[in-house]
Protein backbone atom coordinates (compact mmCIF):
# COMPACT_ATOMS: atom_id res chain seq x y z
CA UNK A 1 83.52 86.42 52.14
CA UNK A 2 80.77 88.44 54.35
CA UNK A 3 78.76 85.52 55.84
CA UNK A 4 81.39 84.77 58.55
CA UNK A 5 81.30 88.53 59.67
CA UNK A 6 77.71 88.57 59.98
CA UNK A 7 77.25 85.21 61.46
CA UNK A 8 80.47 86.96 64.20
CA UNK A 9 78.17 90.08 64.75
CA UNK A 10 74.85 87.56 65.02
CA UNK A 11 76.86 85.85 68.12
CA UNK A 12 77.88 89.07 69.69
CA UNK A 13 74.06 89.94 69.20
CA UNK A 14 74.51 92.94 67.14
CA UNK A 15 71.98 91.10 64.05
CA UNK A 16 69.17 90.11 64.84
CA UNK A 17 67.48 87.11 62.63
CA UNK A 18 63.26 86.21 62.45
CA UNK A 19 61.57 84.23 60.83
CA UNK A 20 58.00 83.56 60.43
CA UNK A 21 55.92 81.52 62.45
CA UNK A 22 54.22 79.71 59.51
CA UNK A 23 56.30 76.82 58.37
CA UNK A 24 55.36 77.29 54.88
CA UNK A 25 56.99 80.59 54.53
CA UNK A 26 60.83 80.07 54.57
CA UNK A 27 61.81 84.08 54.28
CA UNK A 28 64.42 84.53 56.91
CA UNK A 29 63.95 88.66 58.35
CA UNK A 30 67.30 89.66 59.58
CA UNK A 31 68.37 93.33 60.92
CA UNK A 32 71.58 94.84 61.66
CA UNK A 33 73.33 98.08 62.46
CA UNK A 34 76.58 99.84 61.05
CA UNK A 35 78.88 98.04 58.71
CA UNK A 36 76.66 94.48 59.62
CA UNK A 37 73.92 96.08 58.01
CA UNK A 38 75.71 97.19 54.50
CA UNK A 39 76.83 93.50 54.83
CA UNK A 40 73.77 91.93 55.11
CA UNK A 41 73.11 92.96 51.10
CA UNK A 42 75.97 90.74 50.23
CA UNK A 43 74.86 87.97 51.72
CA UNK A 44 73.57 85.20 49.17
CA UNK A 45 69.83 83.43 49.70
CA UNK A 46 71.74 80.44 50.55
CA UNK A 47 73.50 82.36 53.08
CA UNK A 48 70.50 83.76 54.52
CA UNK A 49 69.10 80.41 55.24
CA UNK A 50 72.47 79.57 56.46
CA UNK A 51 71.91 82.12 59.47
CA UNK A 52 68.23 81.48 60.02
CA UNK A 53 68.77 77.61 60.43
CA UNK A 54 71.68 78.73 63.08
CA UNK A 55 69.08 81.09 64.77
CA UNK A 56 66.99 78.25 64.58
CA UNK A 57 68.80 75.82 66.49
CA UNK A 58 70.06 78.38 69.01
CA UNK A 59 66.21 79.74 70.08
CA UNK A 60 66.03 75.30 70.79
CA UNK A 61 68.23 75.39 72.87
CA UNK A 62 67.51 78.69 74.76
CA UNK A 63 65.53 78.28 78.38
CA UNK A 64 63.00 80.86 76.82
CA UNK A 65 61.97 77.63 74.74
CA UNK A 66 59.26 75.00 75.97
CA UNK A 67 60.73 71.92 75.39
CA UNK A 68 58.50 69.27 73.43
């Protein structure tokens, strides 16, 4: 229920998603402000991972990410 809200806030730039550079660490770190911060506490583990995958895919298409 809250996932779509958090995803939309991420697209607006109101939610930051971070992941460890260590590929064995699967934790997704999420920061937000306002209501989005409250909504984060209702996300399941799978929803956090889904948001991490979305963020990772977006970063791969960023002009700041070197192509391999």
